[in-house]
Amino acid sequence: MAAESSAHRADAPSSRPRPHTRRQPWILTYHSVTDPSDDPYGITVSPDRLDEQLSWLRSRRLTGVGVAELLRAGDAGRRGLVGLTFDDGYADFLGEALPVLREHGFRATVFVLPGRPGGVNEWDPLGPRKPLLSHDDVRRVAAAGMEVGSHGLYHRDLTALPDEELRRETARSRELIGELTGSLPEGFCYPYGILDRRVTEAARSAGYGYACALAPGPLLSRFALPRTHISQADRGVRLWAKDLRHGLRQVAAPGAGARVAAPVRTGGPR
C-alpha cells in the first residue's frame, strides 16, 4: 500500500505539511469500505480512497484516533488529532479498513449494532445488502485496538420509540457490547443522525461518556457531537473545504446544554 505516495495525490495546495490549528475537535464519519460502484447513499469508500484520505490527514500533521481518545486529549492535545468513526458495523471494516488504518498508525471508533450480529443492513431500502460484524468480529475489532461504541441494537429512529424501547436501544446495547469486549463502551452514535433532547438524555442516563450526531444544531453538546460525512468523492480540495466548513459552523463549543426538544434531522447520507 503506497501510503506515502498517495499523500502527493492530494490536489489542494493547502494539503502541504503545516501545523494544524483547528480549535474545535474534528470527527470524520465513514461507513462501509469496499467497492463503491453500487452505492445509492454515498456511504462507501474504496480502500484505495481511504488510503489517500488518511495520507492527506497525515500531510496536515494529523493523527486519526477514536473519539474517546480525542476527547481525553483536551483542547491543547487534540490540535494534532482527528477523530475517525465507522458507523453501522459493516463486516468489511476488518478486511478492508483495518489494514489501511494500521498502515498509517491510526485508530478509530467503530459503532456497532449488537442486536444484528452477522446480519445485513436491512434498514437501507435501496440496498445493496452488506454483511455486518458478528459478535466474534466485534471482539476482533476491540482486540485490534479500535474503540467499539454502540449504534443502538437495530439501527432505528430513536426519536420515534417509546421510553422502554429507547432504554433498550441505549442501555441494553451498551451492556451487550460490554459482555463482548470486556469493557463497557464509552461512546454512542445516533442512527440516521436523528436526535432530540429525550434521546440525548437517554444516552447520558445509559452511562455513555459521549454521543455522536452529524449536524446537531442547537442540541450541540458532548452528547450531540458534530461530525463530517466522508465519501468516495472526497479528495484534497473537498477535504480542505469540509475542514474549513466544520470550523466555521461550530460557533458553540461541545459541552453546551441541549436547548430544544424537537427532533433534529441532520441531513446525513440517509
C-alpha atoms as a PDB file:
ATOM      1  CA  MET A   1       0.000   0.000   0.000  1.00  0.00           C
ATOM      2  CA  ALA A   2       1.529   3.267  -1.134  1.00  0.00           C
ATOM      3  CA  ALA A   3       0.622   5.381   1.867  1.00  0.00           C
ATOM      4  CA  GLU A   4       3.390   7.886   1.293  1.00  0.00           C
ATOM      5  CA  SER A   5       2.850   8.288  -2.445  1.00  0.00           C
ATOM      6  CA  SER A   6      -0.872   8.827  -2.066  1.00  0.00           C
ATOM      7  CA  ALA A   7      -0.129  11.911   0.035  1.00  0.00           C
ATOM      8  CA  HIS A   8       1.137  13.522  -3.190  1.00  0.00           C
ATOM      9  CA  ARG A   9      -2.215  12.843  -4.856  1.00  0.00           C
ATOM     10  CA  ALA A  10      -3.969  15.299  -2.544  1.00  0.00           C
ATOM     11  CA  ASP A  11      -4.892  18.016  -5.016  1.00  0.00           C
ATOM     12  CA  ALA A  12      -5.132  21.073  -2.741  1.00  0.00           C
ATOM     13  CA  PRO A  13      -2.102  23.335  -2.243  1.00  0.00           C
ATOM     14  CA  SER A  14      -3.147  23.655   1.404  1.00  0.00           C
ATOM     15  CA  SER A  15      -2.502  19.934   1.890  1.00  0.00           C
ATOM     16  CA  ARG A  16       1.216  20.666   2.227  1.00  0.00           C
ATOM     17  CA  PRO A  17       2.506  19.825   5.728  1.00  0.00           C
ATOM     18  CA  ARG A  18       1.961  22.595   8.230  1.00  0.00           C
ATOM     19  CA  PRO A  19       0.914  22.825  11.889  1.00  0.00           C
ATOM     20  CA  HIS A  20      -2.822  22.337  12.316  1.00  0.00           C
ATOM     21  CA  THR A  21      -4.599  24.988  14.368  1.00  0.00           C
ATOM     22  CA  ARG A  22      -8.292  23.996  14.391  1.00  0.00           C
ATOM     23  CA  ARG A  23      -9.813  24.856  17.771  1.00  0.00           C
ATOM     24  CA  GLN A  24     -12.861  22.575  17.676  1.00  0.00           C
ATOM     25  CA  PRO A  25     -12.454  18.784  17.506  1.00  0.00           C
ATOM     26  CA  TRP A  26     -12.937  17.399  14.004  1.00  0.00           C
ATOM     27  CA  ILE A  27     -14.606  13.987  13.725  1.00  0.00           C
ATOM     28  CA  LEU A  28     -14.954  12.208  10.369  1.00  0.00           C
ATOM     29  CA  THR A  29     -17.782   9.782   9.596  1.00  0.00           C
ATOM     30  CA  TYR A  30     -17.155   6.690   7.496  1.00  0.00           C
ATOM     31  CA  HIS A  31     -19.426   3.720   6.917  1.00  0.00           C
ATOM     32  CA  SER A  32     -18.511   0.890   4.524  1.00  0.00           C
ATOM     33  CA  VAL A  33     -15.063   0.403   2.973  1.00  0.00           C
ATOM     34  CA  THR A  34     -15.318  -1.663  -0.190  1.00  0.00           C
ATOM     35  CA  ASP A  35     -16.122  -1.270  -3.909  1.00  0.00           C
ATOM     36  CA  PRO A  36     -18.280   1.906  -4.119  1.00  0.00           C
ATOM     37  CA  SER A  37     -19.745   1.239  -7.579  1.00  0.00           C
ATOM     38  CA  ASP A  38     -23.180   0.302  -6.156  1.00  0.00           C
ATOM     39  CA  ASP A  39     -23.683   2.987  -3.503  1.00  0.00           C
ATOM     40  CA  PRO A  40     -27.054   4.796  -3.646  1.00  0.00           C
ATOM     41  CA  TYR A  41     -26.487   6.550  -0.313  1.00  0.00           C
ATOM     42  CA  GLY A  42     -22.936   7.767  -0.887  1.00  0.00           C
ATOM     43  CA  ILE A  43     -21.606   5.983   2.211  1.00  0.00           C
ATOM     44  CA  THR A  44     -18.963   3.698   0.682  1.00  0.00           C
ATOM     45  CA  VAL A  45     -15.296   4.449   0.040  1.00  0.00           C
ATOM     46  CA  SER A  46     -12.800   2.152  -1.591  1.00  0.00           C
ATOM     47  CA  PRO A  47      -9.737   1.002   0.365  1.00  0.00           C
ATOM     48  CA  ASP A  48      -7.523   2.977  -2.032  1.00  0.00           C
ATOM     49  CA  ARG A  49      -9.516   6.174  -1.493  1.00  0.00           C
ATOM     50  CA  LEU A  50      -9.423   5.651   2.280  1.00  0.00           C
ATOM     51  CA  ASP A  51      -5.646   5.315   1.994  1.00  0.00           C
ATOM     52  CA  GLU A  52      -5.498   8.568   0.034  1.00  0.00           C
ATOM     53  CA  GLN A  53      -7.705  10.386   2.540  1.00  0.00           C
ATOM     54  CA  LEU A  54      -5.660   9.213   5.517  1.00  0.00           C
ATOM     55  CA  SER A  55      -2.493  10.244   3.692  1.00  0.00           C
ATOM     56  CA  TRP A  56      -3.993  13.719   3.270  1.00  0.00           C
ATOM     57  CA  LEU A  57      -4.623  13.869   7.017  1.00  0.00           C
ATOM     58  CA  ARG A  58      -1.025  12.858   7.700  1.00  0.00           C
ATOM     59  CA  SER A  59       0.178  15.574   5.320  1.00  0.00           C
ATOM     60  CA  ARG A  60      -1.719  18.005   7.546  1.00  0.00           C
ATOM     61  CA  ARG A  61       0.142  16.607  10.560  1.00  0.00           C
ATOM     62  CA  LEU A  62      -2.999  14.970  11.898  1.00  0.00           C
ATOM     63  CA  THR A  63      -3.238  11.546  13.530  1.00  0.00           C
ATOM     64  CA  GLY A  64      -6.513   9.642  13.386  1.00  0.00           C
ATOM     65  CA  VAL A  65      -7.834   8.383  16.730  1.00  0.00           C
ATOM     66  CA  GLY A  66     -11.069   7.161  18.283  1.00  0.00           C
ATOM     67  CA  VAL A  67     -13.466   9.699  19.725  1.00  0.00           C
ATOM     68  CA  ALA A  68     -12.857   8.807  23.370  1.00  0.00           C
ATOM     69  CA  GLU A  69      -9.124   9.337  22.869  1.00  0.00           C
ATOM     70  CA  LEU A  70      -9.795  12.608  21.053  1.00  0.00           C
ATOM     71  CA  LEU A  71     -11.930  13.956  23.895  1.00  0.00           C
ATOM     72  CA  ARG A  72      -9.470  12.852  26.572  1.00  0.00           C
ATOM     73  CA  ALA A  73      -6.718  14.818  24.850  1.00  0.00           C
ATOM     74  CA  GLY A  74      -8.292  18.156  25.803  1.00  0.00           C
ATOM     75  CA  ASP A  75      -8.150  21.371  23.808  1.00  0.00           C
ATOM     76  CA  ALA A  76      -4.372  21.585  23.552  1.00  0.00           C
ATOM     77  CA  GLY A  77      -3.680  17.899  22.952  1.00  0.00           C
ATOM     78  CA  ARG A  78      -6.249  17.469  20.191  1.00  0.00           C
ATOM     79  CA  ARG A  79      -4.632  20.089  17.921  1.00  0.00           C
ATOM     80  CA  GLY A  80      -2.769  17.271  16.149  1.00  0.00           C
ATOM     81  CA  LEU A  81      -5.635  14.760  16.244  1.00  0.00           C
ATOM     82  CA  VAL A  82      -8.718  13.999  14.181  1.00  0.00           C
ATOM     83  CA  GLY A  83     -11.474  11.616  15.214  1.00  0.00           C
ATOM     84  CA  LEU A  84     -12.286   8.720  12.890  1.00  0.00           C
ATOM     85  CA  THR A  85     -15.615   6.882  13.174  1.00  0.00           C
ATOM     86  CA  PHE A  86     -17.119   3.980  11.216  1.00  0.00           C
ATOM     87  CA  ASP A  87     -20.903   3.669  11.562  1.00  0.00           C
ATOM     88  CA  ASP A  88     -23.185   0.617  11.234  1.00  0.00           C
ATOM     89  CA  GLY A  89     -20.547  -2.030  11.984  1.00  0.00           C
ATOM     90  CA  TYR A  90     -20.026  -3.350   8.454  1.00  0.00           C
ATOM     91  CA  ALA A  91     -18.042  -6.573   8.253  1.00  0.00           C
ATOM     92  CA  ASP A  92     -15.735  -5.043   5.635  1.00  0.00           C
ATOM     93  CA  PHE A  93     -14.113  -2.974   8.390  1.00  0.00           C
ATOM     94  CA  LEU A  94     -11.896  -5.897   9.384  1.00  0.00           C
ATOM     95  CA  GLY A  95     -10.706  -6.878   5.933  1.00  0.00           C
ATOM     96  CA  GLU A  96     -10.601  -3.504   4.194  1.00  0.00           C
ATOM     97  CA  ALA A  97     -10.488  -0.561   6.611  1.00  0.00           C
ATOM     98  CA  LEU A  98      -8.388  -2.000   9.425  1.00  0.00           C
ATOM     99  CA  PRO A  99      -5.298  -2.772   7.281  1.00  0.00           C
ATOM    100  CA  VAL A 100      -5.322   0.813   5.936  1.00  0.00           C
ATOM    101  CA  LEU A 101      -5.648   2.279   9.430  1.00  0.00           C
ATOM    102  CA  ARG A 102      -2.743   0.137  10.609  1.00  0.00           C
ATOM    103  CA  GLU A 103      -0.606   1.200   7.645  1.00  0.00           C
ATOM    104  CA  HIS A 104      -0.981   4.799   8.779  1.00  0.00           C
ATOM    105  CA  GLY A 105      -0.737   4.090  12.500  1.00  0.00           C
ATOM    106  CA  PHE A 106      -4.268   5.412  13.013  1.00  0.00           C
ATOM    107  CA  ARG A 107      -7.036   4.298  15.358  1.00  0.00           C
ATOM    108  CA  ALA A 108     -10.798   4.725  15.111  1.00  0.00           C
ATOM    109  CA  THR A 109     -14.149   4.215  16.786  1.00  0.00           C
ATOM    110  CA  VAL A 110     -16.400   1.543  15.275  1.00  0.00           C
ATOM    111  CA  PHE A 111     -20.090   1.971  16.147  1.00  0.00           C
ATOM    112  CA  VAL A 112     -21.699  -1.475  16.038  1.00  0.00           C
ATOM    113  CA  LEU A 113     -25.190  -2.997  16.242  1.00  0.00           C
ATOM    114  CA  PRO A 114     -25.048  -5.849  18.782  1.00  0.00           C
ATOM    115  CA  GLY A 115     -28.689  -6.715  18.077  1.00  0.00           C
ATOM    116  CA  ARG A 116     -27.847  -7.701  14.469  1.00  0.00           C
ATOM    117  CA  PRO A 117     -24.776  -9.970  14.781  1.00  0.00           C
ATOM    118  CA  GLY A 118     -23.756 -11.252  11.355  1.00  0.00           C
ATOM    119  CA  GLY A 119     -26.884  -9.680   9.832  1.00  0.00           C
ATOM    120  CA  VAL A 120     -27.241  -7.200   6.995  1.00  0.00           C
ATOM    121  CA  ASN A 121     -28.245  -3.535   6.601  1.00  0.00           C
ATOM    122  CA  GLU A 122     -31.984  -4.155   6.398  1.00  0.00           C
ATOM    123  CA  TRP A 123     -32.744  -0.511   7.232  1.00  0.00           C
ATOM    124  CA  ASP A 124     -31.476   0.616   3.789  1.00  0.00           C
ATOM    125  CA  PRO A 125     -34.412   0.123   1.382  1.00  0.00           C
ATOM    126  CA  LEU A 126     -32.294   0.694  -1.734  1.00  0.00           C
ATOM    127  CA  GLY A 127     -29.586  -1.787  -0.778  1.00  0.00           C
ATOM    128  CA  PRO A 128     -27.176  -3.229  -1.625  1.00  0.00           C
ATOM    129  CA  ARG A 129     -27.223  -5.733   1.224  1.00  0.00           C
ATOM    130  CA  LYS A 130     -23.938  -5.736   3.118  1.00  0.00           C
ATOM    131  CA  PRO A 131     -22.929  -8.102   5.928  1.00  0.00           C
ATOM    132  CA  LEU A 132     -22.437  -6.754   9.429  1.00  0.00           C
ATOM    133  CA  LEU A 133     -19.893  -7.703  12.061  1.00  0.00           C
ATOM    134  CA  SER A 134     -20.631 -10.848  14.049  1.00  0.00           C
ATOM    135  CA  HIS A 135     -20.106 -10.948  17.791  1.00  0.00           C
ATOM    136  CA  ASP A 136     -16.745 -12.643  17.223  1.00  0.00           C
ATOM    137  CA  ASP A 137     -15.872  -9.900  14.742  1.00  0.00           C
ATOM    138  CA  VAL A 138     -16.678  -7.232  17.323  1.00  0.00           C
ATOM    139  CA  ARG A 139     -14.242  -8.921  19.690  1.00  0.00           C
ATOM    140  CA  ARG A 140     -11.603  -8.875  16.942  1.00  0.00           C
ATOM    141  CA  VAL A 141     -12.159  -5.153  16.352  1.00  0.00           C
ATOM    142  CA  ALA A 142     -11.611  -4.462  20.053  1.00  0.00           C
ATOM    143  CA  ALA A 143      -8.575  -6.758  20.183  1.00  0.00           C
ATOM    144  CA  ALA A 144      -7.070  -4.798  17.269  1.00  0.00           C
ATOM    145  CA  GLY A 145      -7.003  -1.688  19.471  1.00  0.00           C
ATOM    146  CA  MET A 146     -10.019   0.048  17.996  1.00  0.00           C
ATOM    147  CA  GLU A 147     -12.637   1.702  20.196  1.00  0.00           C
ATOM    148  CA  VAL A 148     -16.001  -0.073  19.981  1.00  0.00           C
ATOM    149  CA  GLY A 149     -19.093   2.073  20.525  1.00  0.00           C
ATOM    150  CA  SER A 150     -22.822   1.473  20.257  1.00  0.00           C
ATOM    151  CA  HIS A 151     -25.061   2.386  17.329  1.00  0.00           C
ATOM    152  CA  GLY A 152     -28.081   1.039  19.179  1.00  0.00           C
ATOM    153  CA  LEU A 153     -29.382  -2.500  18.842  1.00  0.00           C
ATOM    154  CA  TYR A 154     -31.082  -2.468  15.437  1.00  0.00           C
ATOM    155  CA  HIS A 155     -30.474   0.893  13.693  1.00  0.00           C
ATOM    156  CA  ARG A 156     -33.821   2.561  14.411  1.00  0.00           C
ATOM    157  CA  ASP A 157     -35.005   6.166  14.601  1.00  0.00           C
ATOM    158  CA  LEU A 158     -34.712   6.589  18.353  1.00  0.00           C
ATOM    159  CA  THR A 159     -36.944   9.659  18.473  1.00  0.00           C
ATOM    160  CA  ALA A 160     -39.906   7.513  17.361  1.00  0.00           C
ATOM    161  CA  LEU A 161     -39.538   4.881  20.110  1.00  0.00           C
ATOM    162  CA  PRO A 162     -41.403   4.663  23.417  1.00  0.00           C
ATOM    163  CA  ASP A 163     -39.300   5.107  26.540  1.00  0.00           C
ATOM    164  CA  GLU A 164     -38.737   1.415  27.256  1.00  0.00           C
ATOM    165  CA  GLU A 165     -37.575   0.615  23.727  1.00  0.00           C
ATOM    166  CA  LEU A 166     -35.344   3.687  23.764  1.00  0.00           C
ATOM    167  CA  ARG A 167     -33.813   2.442  27.011  1.00  0.00           C
ATOM    168  CA  ARG A 168     -33.108  -0.942  25.417  1.00  0.00           C
ATOM    169  CA  GLU A 169     -31.504   0.622  22.360  1.00  0.00           C
ATOM    170  CA  THR A 170     -29.174   2.694  24.503  1.00  0.00           C
ATOM    171  CA  ALA A 171     -28.616   0.847  27.802  1.00  0.00           C
ATOM    172  CA  ARG A 172     -29.017  -2.762  26.647  1.00  0.00           C
ATOM    173  CA  SER A 173     -26.763  -2.264  23.636  1.00  0.00           C
ATOM    174  CA  ARG A 174     -24.104  -0.907  25.988  1.00  0.00           C
ATOM    175  CA  GLU A 175     -24.417  -3.968  28.227  1.00  0.00           C
ATOM    176  CA  LEU A 176     -24.137  -6.368  25.275  1.00  0.00           C
ATOM    177  CA  ILE A 177     -21.004  -4.682  23.941  1.00  0.00           C
ATOM    178  CA  GLY A 178     -19.504  -4.775  27.425  1.00  0.00           C
ATOM    179  CA  GLU A 179     -20.150  -8.516  27.551  1.00  0.00           C
ATOM    180  CA  LEU A 180     -18.488  -8.975  24.152  1.00  0.00           C
ATOM    181  CA  THR A 181     -15.384  -6.864  24.686  1.00  0.00           C
ATOM    182  CA  GLY A 182     -14.971  -6.967  28.469  1.00  0.00           C
ATOM    183  CA  SER A 183     -15.341  -3.194  28.712  1.00  0.00           C
ATOM    184  CA  LEU A 184     -18.483  -1.056  28.683  1.00  0.00           C
ATOM    185  CA  PRO A 185     -18.372   1.305  25.704  1.00  0.00           C
ATOM    186  CA  GLU A 186     -17.917   4.997  26.300  1.00  0.00           C
ATOM    187  CA  GLY A 187     -19.477   6.175  23.047  1.00  0.00           C
ATOM    188  CA  PHE A 188     -22.893   6.095  21.393  1.00  0.00           C
ATOM    189  CA  CYS A 189     -23.902   7.117  17.864  1.00  0.00           C
ATOM    190  CA  TYR A 190     -27.468   8.074  16.883  1.00  0.00           C
ATOM    191  CA  PRO A 191     -28.809   6.053  13.921  1.00  0.00           C
ATOM    192  CA  TYR A 192     -29.505   8.255  10.875  1.00  0.00           C
ATOM    193  CA  GLY A 193     -28.132  11.166  12.922  1.00  0.00           C
ATOM    194  CA  ILE A 194     -31.666  11.805  14.241  1.00  0.00           C
ATOM    195  CA  LEU A 195     -31.899  13.003  17.832  1.00  0.00           C
ATOM    196  CA  ASP A 196     -33.871  15.111  20.257  1.00  0.00           C
ATOM    197  CA  ARG A 197     -33.372  16.084  23.879  1.00  0.00           C
ATOM    198  CA  ARG A 198     -35.126  12.935  25.179  1.00  0.00           C
ATOM    199  CA  VAL A 199     -32.764  10.754  23.123  1.00  0.00           C
ATOM    200  CA  THR A 200     -29.638  12.590  24.255  1.00  0.00           C
ATOM    201  CA  GLU A 201     -30.768  12.237  27.863  1.00  0.00           C
ATOM    202  CA  ALA A 202     -31.288   8.503  27.311  1.00  0.00           C
ATOM    203  CA  ALA A 203     -27.699   8.172  26.093  1.00  0.00           C
ATOM    204  CA  ARG A 204     -26.447  10.092  29.105  1.00  0.00           C
ATOM    205  CA  SER A 205     -28.570   8.026  31.516  1.00  0.00           C
ATOM    206  CA  ALA A 206     -27.309   4.774  29.981  1.00  0.00           C
ATOM    207  CA  GLY A 207     -23.812   5.644  31.180  1.00  0.00           C
ATOM    208  CA  TYR A 208     -22.094   6.744  27.979  1.00  0.00           C
ATOM    209  CA  GLY A 209     -19.451   9.436  28.193  1.00  0.00           C
ATOM    210  CA  TYR A 210     -20.295  10.990  24.827  1.00  0.00           C
ATOM    211  CA  ALA A 211     -22.581  10.545  21.830  1.00  0.00           C
ATOM    212  CA  CYS A 212     -22.111  11.377  18.151  1.00  0.00           C
ATOM    213  CA  ALA A 213     -24.522  13.008  15.736  1.00  0.00           C
ATOM    214  CA  LEU A 214     -23.808  14.661  12.391  1.00  0.00           C
ATOM    215  CA  ALA A 215     -25.031  18.277  12.449  1.00  0.00           C
ATOM    216  CA  PRO A 216     -26.850  18.571  15.795  1.00  0.00           C
ATOM    217  CA  GLY A 217     -27.621  22.284  15.550  1.00  0.00           C
ATOM    218  CA  PRO A 218     -28.889  23.733  18.856  1.00  0.00           C
ATOM    219  CA  LEU A 219     -28.522  20.336  20.581  1.00  0.00           C
ATOM    220  CA  LEU A 220     -24.738  20.609  20.266  1.00  0.00           C
ATOM    221  CA  SER A 221     -23.083  19.121  23.375  1.00  0.00           C
ATOM    222  CA  ARG A 222     -20.852  16.266  24.474  1.00  0.00           C
ATOM    223  CA  PHE A 223     -23.936  14.084  23.852  1.00  0.00           C
ATOM    224  CA  ALA A 224     -24.515  15.508  20.380  1.00  0.00           C
ATOM    225  CA  LEU A 225     -21.059  15.863  18.857  1.00  0.00           C
ATOM    226  CA  PRO A 226     -20.917  17.121  15.258  1.00  0.00           C
ATOM    227  CA  ARG A 227     -19.168  15.061  12.612  1.00  0.00           C
ATOM    228  CA  THR A 228     -18.256  15.376   8.933  1.00  0.00           C
ATOM    229  CA  HIS A 229     -19.507  12.766   6.466  1.00  0.00           C
ATOM    230  CA  ILE A 230     -16.778  11.418   4.168  1.00  0.00           C
ATOM    231  CA  SER A 231     -17.497   9.891   0.749  1.00  0.00           C
ATOM    232  CA  GLN A 232     -15.629   8.421  -2.204  1.00  0.00           C
ATOM    233  CA  ALA A 233     -15.630  11.856  -3.860  1.00  0.00           C
ATOM    234  CA  ASP A 234     -13.617  13.493  -1.080  1.00  0.00           C
ATOM    235  CA  ARG A 235     -10.028  14.267  -2.010  1.00  0.00           C
ATOM    236  CA  GLY A 236      -7.667  17.147  -1.228  1.00  0.00           C
ATOM    237  CA  VAL A 237      -9.770  20.199  -2.186  1.00  0.00           C
ATOM    238  CA  ARG A 238     -13.033  18.742  -0.873  1.00  0.00           C
ATOM    239  CA  LEU A 239     -11.402  17.589   2.357  1.00  0.00           C
ATOM    240  CA  TRP A 240      -9.888  21.015   2.853  1.00  0.00           C
ATOM    241  CA  ALA A 241     -13.299  22.631   2.234  1.00  0.00           C
ATOM    242  CA  LYS A 242     -15.027  20.291   4.690  1.00  0.00           C
ATOM    243  CA  ASP A 243     -12.402  21.060   7.313  1.00  0.00           C
ATOM    244  CA  LEU A 244     -12.942  24.792   6.776  1.00  0.00           C
ATOM    245  CA  ARG A 245     -16.744  24.455   6.871  1.00  0.00           C
ATOM    246  CA  HIS A 246     -16.558  22.495  10.108  1.00  0.00           C
ATOM    247  CA  GLY A 247     -14.520  25.219  11.754  1.00  0.00           C
ATOM    248  CA  LEU A 248     -16.845  27.980  10.556  1.00  0.00           C
ATOM    249  CA  ARG A 249     -20.105  26.362  11.626  1.00  0.00           C
ATOM    250  CA  GLN A 250     -19.064  25.367  15.167  1.00  0.00           C
ATOM    251  CA  VAL A 251     -19.976  28.599  16.903  1.00  0.00           C
ATOM    252  CA  ALA A 252     -20.646  26.831  20.232  1.00  0.00           C
ATOM    253  CA  ALA A 253     -18.189  24.519  21.920  1.00  0.00           C
ATOM    254  CA  PRO A 254     -19.170  20.908  22.749  1.00  0.00           C
ATOM    255  CA  GLY A 255     -20.409  20.930  26.304  1.00  0.00           C
ATOM    256  CA  ALA A 256     -23.186  23.454  25.745  1.00  0.00           C
ATOM    257  CA  GLY A 257     -26.532  22.242  27.018  1.00  0.00           C
ATOM    258  CA  ALA A 258     -29.334  20.985  24.791  1.00  0.00           C
ATOM    259  CA  ARG A 259     -31.868  23.753  24.283  1.00  0.00           C
ATOM    260  CA  VAL A 260     -34.681  22.312  22.173  1.00  0.00           C
ATOM    261  CA  ALA A 261     -36.833  19.203  22.353  1.00  0.00           C
ATOM    262  CA  ALA A 262     -37.822  18.781  18.699  1.00  0.00           C
ATOM    263  CA  PRO A 263     -36.060  16.040  16.677  1.00  0.00           C
ATOM    264  CA  VAL A 264     -33.054  17.146  14.658  1.00  0.00           C
ATOM    265  CA  ARG A 265     -32.752  15.515  11.258  1.00  0.00           C
ATOM    266  CA  THR A 266     -29.208  16.214  10.390  1.00  0.00           C
ATOM    267  CA  GLY A 267     -29.169  15.881   6.631  1.00  0.00           C
ATOM    268  CA  GLY A 268     -26.871  12.857   6.645  1.00  0.00           C
ATOM    269  CA  PRO A 269     -26.464  10.413   3.766  1.00  0.00           C
ATOM    270  CA  ARG A 270     -29.630   8.504   4.657  1.00  0.00           C
END
